[in-house]
Amino acid sequence: MEFIYPKKLRKWDRIMVVAPSRSFKLLSEDTVKRAIERLNGLGLEVVFGKHISECDEFMTSSIESRLEDLHDAFRDDSIAGIFSVIGGSSTNQLVDYIDYDIIKANPKIVCWFSDITVLHNAILAKTWLVTYYWPHFSSWGMKYGFEYSLENFKKCCMESDSFEITDASEWSDDPRYLDQEKRVFEKNEWIIILQEGTCTGKIIWGNVECVCVSMGTPYLPIINEDTILFIEQDAEWNILRFIRRFEQILQSDFAKHVKWIVIGKFQKNNTISIDQLKKIIAAQRKVEWMPIVANVDFGHITPITTFPLWGIWSLSAYNNVAKVSILKH
């Protein structure tokens, strides 16, 4: 298999915002204005898919409208990058109808996460285009706490050198979309080592629920080499639901090639603790030899690290010291 690494974004490039899941109509004028200004500050021009503000009773638009915007974004030679508006719950409605030949012939920087994990995996399975797990366009409108996310985005999507991931000094899990001024930030705890070890390999996957949604479909990549499994989940889940889906992943054919597991930081309301994770891991004989770390800065929290799906990472975790580097992106 030959992987396609898209060209990095450069000053004066244009990005298009599309809505594979929920509608642009959900965003406030203030959020949109700040997001555009922040992207313009990087020298990037922002344009929008023509259907992104359509909104039905499911807070999204028709499959046809979403497909048209996605295909237009890839076909348009003036577009260098494609961002999602926000997450949601209906992205998997699209994957049967996407023209993957259009995507393969027009590789671009693609940035999205959460529900749109489904598109990450479908695009990888059908085209082997490397995509980027990173916040939505709506996140660019965040007033506070965005600096760490921005720096990681630039290193991963606008530069080519390898780099080490450092920990954010503080983090937040408050509903900033309701009140940008009422933010609560806490001192960040760096990566927690559940099982020691080292590993270098390609990384795959993202949101746990969306990974499981894709199982048994043609839209999950067939993996036949060593990989590092990155997973995260939002506050909709409790520990029992996580156990069920985590076990499902470990029972899949893909898990035969997983050599390391990296778990993103959980939101506070999903009540999944590090002690519970340790018990889950200890009960799994199939991963007892595997290096596993948790509390990494990605997921449904602020700020988050950008990472390339099927990029190459190097990880070392010994004696309560974890070092994480992105070697190829």
Protein backbone atom coordinates (compact mmCIF):
# COMPACT_ATOMS: atom_id res chain seq x y z
CA MET A 1 0.00 0.00 0.00
CA GLU A 2 1.26 3.47 -0.90
CA PHE A 3 0.26 6.22 1.50
CA ILE A 4 -0.48 9.72 0.30
CA TYR A 5 0.85 12.58 2.43
CA PRO A 6 -0.84 15.85 1.38
CA LYS A 7 1.10 19.07 0.84
CA LYS A 8 1.44 21.20 3.94
CA LEU A 9 -0.59 24.37 4.23
CA ARG A 10 1.25 27.55 3.35
CA LYS A 11 0.63 31.26 3.64
CA TRP A 12 -2.00 32.44 1.12
CA ASP A 13 -3.58 28.98 0.89
CA ARG A 14 -7.37 28.67 0.93
CA ILE A 15 -9.26 26.31 3.19
CA MET A 16 -12.89 25.30 2.79
CA VAL A 17 -15.20 24.66 5.73
CA VAL A 18 -17.74 21.86 5.19
CA ALA A 19 -20.39 20.27 7.41
CA PRO A 20 -20.23 16.44 7.19
CA SER A 21 -22.30 16.23 10.37
CA ARG A 22 -23.97 19.10 12.27
CA SER A 23 -24.85 22.42 10.69
CA PHE A 24 -22.90 25.68 10.61
CA LYS A 25 -26.12 27.28 11.86
CA LEU A 26 -25.21 26.14 15.38
CA LEU A 27 -22.25 28.54 15.60
CA SER A 28 -22.53 32.04 17.01
CA GLU A 29 -21.48 35.06 14.96
CA ASP A 30 -18.76 35.79 17.51
CA THR A 31 -17.31 32.27 17.19
CA VAL A 32 -17.30 32.45 13.39
CA LYS A 33 -15.70 35.89 13.34
CA ARG A 34 -12.93 34.88 15.76
CA ALA A 35 -12.24 31.63 13.88
CA ILE A 36 -11.87 33.46 10.57
CA GLU A 37 -9.61 36.09 12.11
CA ARG A 38 -7.38 33.45 13.70
CA LEU A 39 -7.01 31.52 10.44
CA ASN A 40 -6.41 34.75 8.54
CA GLY A 41 -3.66 35.44 11.07
CA LEU A 42 -1.85 32.37 9.74
CA GLY A 43 -2.20 33.73 6.22
CA LEU A 44 -5.01 31.30 5.36
CA GLU A 45 -8.09 32.40 3.44
CA VAL A 46 -11.40 30.87 4.58
CA VAL A 47 -14.26 29.92 2.25
CA PHE A 48 -17.39 27.94 3.01
CA GLY A 49 -19.31 25.12 1.39
CA LYS A 50 -22.55 26.40 -0.07
CA HIS A 51 -24.79 24.04 1.92
CA ILE A 52 -23.23 24.24 5.38
CA SER A 53 -25.97 26.42 6.92
CA GLU A 54 -28.81 24.11 5.93
CA CYS A 55 -30.36 22.64 9.07
CA ASP A 56 -33.12 20.05 9.54
CA GLU A 57 -34.69 18.48 12.64
CA PHE A 58 -31.52 16.41 13.10
CA MET A 59 -29.35 19.56 13.17
CA THR A 60 -27.74 18.64 9.86
CA SER A 61 -28.48 18.83 6.13
CA SER A 62 -29.37 16.24 3.50
CA ILE A 63 -26.89 13.59 2.46
CA GLU A 64 -26.87 15.11 -1.02
CA SER A 65 -25.98 18.58 0.25
CA ARG A 66 -23.19 17.32 2.47
CA LEU A 67 -21.75 15.18 -0.33
CA GLU A 68 -21.83 18.04 -2.81
CA ASP A 69 -19.85 20.31 -0.49
CA LEU A 70 -17.31 17.58 0.30
CA HIS A 71 -16.79 16.69 -3.36
CA ASP A 72 -16.57 20.37 -4.34
CA ALA A 73 -13.88 20.97 -1.71
CA PHE A 74 -11.71 18.17 -3.08
CA ARG A 75 -12.33 19.01 -6.75
CA ASP A 76 -11.49 22.71 -6.37
CA ASP A 77 -7.80 23.18 -7.20
CA SER A 78 -7.76 26.47 -5.29
CA ILE A 79 -8.51 24.67 -2.00
CA ALA A 80 -5.52 23.35 -0.02
CA GLY A 81 -7.26 22.25 3.18
CA ILE A 82 -10.69 21.10 4.34
CA PHE A 83 -12.05 21.68 7.86
CA SER A 84 -15.27 20.39 9.40
CA VAL A 85 -17.71 22.82 11.04
CA ILE A 86 -18.27 20.74 14.17
CA GLY A 87 -18.96 17.13 15.18
CA GLY A 88 -22.31 15.41 15.58
CA SER A 89 -23.71 11.93 15.01
CA SER A 90 -24.53 11.38 11.35
CA THR A 91 -21.27 11.32 9.39
CA ASN A 92 -21.57 7.61 8.63
CA GLN A 93 -24.58 8.41 6.42
CA LEU A 94 -22.13 9.68 3.81
CA VAL A 95 -19.54 6.95 3.41
CA ASP A 96 -21.48 4.74 0.95
CA TYR A 97 -21.95 7.64 -1.46
CA ILE A 98 -18.56 9.38 -1.47
CA ASP A 99 -16.62 9.32 -4.73
CA TYR A 100 -13.25 8.23 -3.33
CA ASP A 101 -11.59 8.58 -6.74
CA ILE A 102 -12.13 12.35 -6.45
CA ILE A 103 -10.37 12.35 -3.08
CA LYS A 104 -7.49 10.17 -4.23
CA ALA A 105 -6.90 12.37 -7.28
CA ASN A 106 -6.97 15.57 -5.19
CA PRO A 107 -5.19 14.93 -1.86
CA LYS A 108 -5.45 17.80 0.64
CA ILE A 109 -4.96 18.55 4.30
CA VAL A 110 -8.10 17.35 6.09
CA CYS A 111 -8.72 18.32 9.75
CA TRP A 112 -11.58 17.01 11.88
CA PHE A 113 -12.32 14.65 14.79
CA SER A 114 -15.04 13.15 17.03
CA ASP A 115 -17.99 11.87 14.94
CA ILE A 116 -15.99 12.58 11.79
CA THR A 117 -13.56 9.81 12.78
CA VAL A 118 -15.83 7.81 10.45
CA LEU A 119 -14.57 9.86 7.49
CA HIS A 120 -10.95 9.59 8.61
CA ASN A 121 -11.19 5.82 8.49
CA ALA A 122 -13.25 5.63 5.30
CA ILE A 123 -10.86 7.92 3.42
CA LEU A 124 -7.85 5.97 4.67
CA ALA A 125 -9.47 2.63 3.78
CA LYS A 126 -10.38 3.72 0.24
CA THR A 127 -7.54 6.08 -0.72
CA TRP A 128 -4.68 5.75 1.84
CA LEU A 129 -4.67 9.53 2.22
CA VAL A 130 -3.15 10.60 5.54
CA THR A 131 -5.61 12.84 7.41
CA TYR A 132 -5.30 14.86 10.61
CA TYR A 133 -7.15 14.40 13.87
CA TRP A 134 -7.66 17.94 15.07
CA PRO A 135 -10.40 20.35 16.25
CA HIS A 136 -13.19 21.60 14.03
CA PHE A 137 -13.54 25.09 12.55
CA SER A 138 -15.70 25.94 15.56
CA SER A 139 -12.70 25.36 17.85
CA TRP A 140 -10.79 28.13 16.09
CA GLY A 141 -13.35 30.51 17.55
CA MET A 142 -12.31 29.66 21.10
CA LYS A 143 -11.42 32.86 22.95
CA TYR A 144 -9.17 31.37 25.66
CA GLY A 145 -6.94 28.33 25.95
CA PHE A 146 -6.27 27.84 22.24
CA GLU A 147 -2.53 28.59 22.11
CA TYR A 148 -1.29 25.02 22.66
CA SER A 149 -3.68 23.62 20.05
CA LEU A 150 -2.61 26.29 17.57
CA GLU A 151 1.11 25.58 17.98
CA ASN A 152 0.59 21.84 17.45
CA PHE A 153 -1.54 22.50 14.38
CA LYS A 154 1.21 24.62 12.83
CA LYS A 155 3.88 22.00 13.52
CA CYS A 156 1.80 19.18 12.08
CA CYS A 157 -0.07 20.81 9.18
CA MET A 158 2.17 23.71 8.12
CA GLU A 159 5.68 22.38 8.80
CA SER A 160 7.49 19.15 7.85
CA ASP A 161 10.09 18.61 10.58
CA SER A 162 9.65 15.93 13.23
CA PHE A 163 8.81 17.29 16.66
CA GLU A 164 8.26 16.26 20.25
CA ILE A 165 4.85 16.62 21.86
CA THR A 166 5.10 18.55 25.13
CA ASP A 167 2.37 18.77 27.73
CA ALA A 168 -0.02 21.70 27.93
CA SER A 169 0.40 23.67 31.15
CA GLU A 170 -3.35 23.67 31.86
CA TRP A 171 -6.57 22.20 30.54
CA SER A 172 -10.30 22.79 30.63
CA ASP A 173 -13.51 20.85 30.16
CA ASP A 174 -16.07 23.59 30.57
CA PRO A 175 -18.90 24.44 28.13
CA ARG A 176 -17.06 27.36 26.50
CA TYR A 177 -19.58 27.31 23.64
CA LEU A 178 -22.16 28.62 26.13
CA ASP A 179 -20.02 31.34 27.71
CA GLN A 180 -16.58 32.27 26.35
CA GLU A 181 -15.81 34.39 29.41
CA LYS A 182 -16.74 31.80 32.03
CA ARG A 183 -13.80 29.44 31.62
CA VAL A 184 -12.18 27.25 34.28
CA PHE A 185 -8.63 26.00 33.65
CA GLU A 186 -6.79 23.52 35.84
CA LYS A 187 -3.15 22.51 36.12
CA ASN A 188 -2.55 19.77 33.59
CA GLU A 189 -1.28 16.35 34.59
CA TRP A 190 1.03 14.96 31.92
CA ILE A 191 0.83 11.46 30.44
CA ILE A 192 0.08 8.70 32.93
CA ILE A 193 1.96 5.46 32.28
CA LEU A 194 -0.24 2.40 32.79
CA GLN A 195 2.30 -0.07 31.38
CA GLU A 196 5.91 0.78 30.50
CA GLY A 197 7.65 0.29 27.18
CA THR A 198 8.81 1.83 23.91
CA CYS A 199 7.37 1.73 20.42
CA THR A 200 7.73 3.32 17.00
CA GLY A 201 4.98 2.87 14.45
CA LYS A 202 2.04 4.26 12.53
CA ILE A 203 -1.02 5.51 14.38
CA ILE A 204 -4.65 4.75 13.67
CA TRP A 205 -8.22 5.43 14.76
CA GLY A 206 -9.74 8.03 17.06
CA ASN A 207 -13.16 8.28 18.72
CA VAL A 208 -14.03 4.88 20.22
CA GLU A 209 -17.73 4.88 19.35
CA CYS A 210 -17.09 5.88 15.74
CA VAL A 211 -14.43 3.20 15.35
CA CYS A 212 -16.93 0.58 16.54
CA VAL A 213 -19.63 1.99 14.23
CA SER A 214 -17.32 1.26 11.28
CA MET A 215 -16.54 -2.33 12.24
CA GLY A 216 -17.99 -4.87 9.83
CA THR A 217 -18.13 -2.29 7.03
CA PRO A 218 -15.76 -1.65 4.10
CA TYR A 219 -14.82 1.67 5.71
CA LEU A 220 -12.30 0.51 8.27
CA PRO A 221 -8.74 0.11 6.95
CA ILE A 222 -7.32 -3.40 6.62
CA ILE A 223 -4.13 -3.23 8.64
CA ASN A 224 -1.29 -5.74 8.26
CA GLU A 225 1.58 -4.01 10.03
CA ASP A 226 2.39 -2.83 13.55
CA THR A 227 0.34 0.14 14.71
CA ILE A 228 -0.22 2.39 17.71
CA LEU A 229 -3.88 2.63 18.71
CA PHE A 230 -5.06 6.13 19.68
CA ILE A 231 -8.51 6.28 21.27
CA GLU A 232 -10.65 8.94 22.95
CA GLN A 233 -14.26 9.30 24.05
CA ASP A 234 -16.51 12.14 25.08
CA ALA A 235 -18.69 12.63 28.16
CA GLU A 236 -21.63 10.67 26.75
CA TRP A 237 -20.03 7.46 28.02
CA ASN A 238 -19.58 5.90 31.45
CA ILE A 239 -17.04 3.27 32.42
CA LEU A 240 -19.33 0.30 31.63
CA ARG A 241 -19.96 1.46 28.09
CA PHE A 242 -16.25 2.09 27.62
CA ILE A 243 -15.41 -1.44 28.79
CA ARG A 244 -17.82 -2.94 26.27
CA ARG A 245 -16.45 -0.99 23.30
CA PHE A 246 -12.82 -1.34 24.35
CA GLU A 247 -13.27 -5.10 24.45
CA GLN A 248 -14.90 -5.00 21.00
CA ILE A 249 -11.84 -3.24 19.59
CA LEU A 250 -9.45 -5.73 21.21
CA GLN A 251 -11.43 -8.62 19.71
CA SER A 252 -11.20 -7.22 16.17
CA ASP A 253 -8.73 -8.43 13.53
CA PHE A 254 -7.03 -5.05 13.66
CA ALA A 255 -5.98 -5.59 17.29
CA LYS A 256 -3.59 -8.33 16.16
CA HIS A 257 -1.28 -5.59 14.93
CA VAL A 258 -1.63 -3.12 17.82
CA LYS A 259 1.64 -2.78 19.73
CA TRP A 260 0.86 0.25 21.89
CA ILE A 261 -2.30 1.92 23.18
CA VAL A 262 -2.57 5.68 23.76
CA ILE A 263 -5.70 6.93 25.54
CA GLY A 264 -6.76 10.57 25.37
CA LYS A 265 -7.82 12.69 28.30
CA PHE A 266 -11.38 12.00 29.42
CA GLN A 267 -13.96 14.67 30.11
CA LYS A 268 -14.94 15.02 33.74
CA ASN A 269 -18.59 14.08 33.30
CA ASN A 270 -17.93 10.64 31.87
CA THR A 271 -16.64 9.53 35.31
CA ILE A 272 -13.88 7.30 33.91
CA SER A 273 -10.96 7.46 36.33
CA ILE A 274 -7.34 6.43 35.94
CA ASP A 275 -7.80 3.79 38.67
CA GLN A 276 -10.66 2.28 36.67
CA LEU A 277 -8.53 2.25 33.54
CA LYS A 278 -5.78 0.43 35.42
CA LYS A 279 -8.25 -2.26 36.50
CA ILE A 280 -9.58 -2.65 32.95
CA ILE A 281 -6.06 -3.03 31.58
CA ALA A 282 -5.01 -5.45 34.32
CA ALA A 283 -7.98 -7.70 33.46
CA GLN A 284 -6.99 -7.94 29.80
CA ARG A 285 -4.51 -10.76 29.27
CA LYS A 286 -4.23 -9.91 25.57
CA VAL A 287 -2.61 -6.54 26.37
CA GLU A 288 -0.56 -7.46 29.45
CA TRP A 289 2.69 -7.17 27.46
CA MET A 290 1.73 -3.94 25.70
CA PRO A 291 2.93 -0.41 26.59
CA ILE A 292 -0.12 1.70 27.46
CA VAL A 293 -0.36 5.38 28.40
CA ALA A 294 -3.36 7.58 29.24
CA ASN A 295 -4.29 11.20 29.87
CA VAL A 296 -2.71 12.39 26.62
CA ASP A 297 -3.83 15.84 25.40
CA PHE A 298 -6.36 14.88 22.75
CA GLY A 299 -10.09 14.26 22.78
CA HIS A 300 -13.05 16.41 23.75
CA ILE A 301 -11.05 18.77 25.98
CA THR A 302 -9.06 22.01 25.66
CA PRO A 303 -6.35 22.14 24.41
CA ILE A 304 -5.54 19.19 22.15
CA THR A 305 -2.66 17.82 20.12
CA THR A 306 -2.89 17.44 16.34
CA PHE A 307 -1.93 13.99 15.10
CA PRO A 308 -1.77 12.41 11.64
CA LEU A 309 -3.69 9.19 11.14
CA TRP A 310 -1.12 6.80 9.74
CA GLY A 311 1.71 9.18 10.55
CA ILE A 312 4.73 7.74 12.36
CA TRP A 313 5.15 8.27 16.10
CA SER A 314 7.84 7.33 18.58
CA LEU A 315 6.90 6.77 22.23
CA SER A 316 8.92 5.93 25.31
CA ALA A 317 7.43 5.45 28.76
CA TYR A 318 9.62 4.44 31.70
CA ASN A 319 10.01 5.44 35.36
CA ASN A 320 7.08 7.90 35.23
CA VAL A 321 8.65 9.75 32.31
CA ALA A 322 6.89 9.69 28.92
CA LYS A 323 8.36 11.05 25.69
CA VAL A 324 6.20 11.35 22.59
CA SER A 325 7.47 12.44 19.16
CA ILE A 326 5.91 12.71 15.70
CA LEU A 327 8.48 11.53 13.18
CA LYS A 328 6.50 11.71 9.93
CA HIS A 329 3.36 13.70 9.28
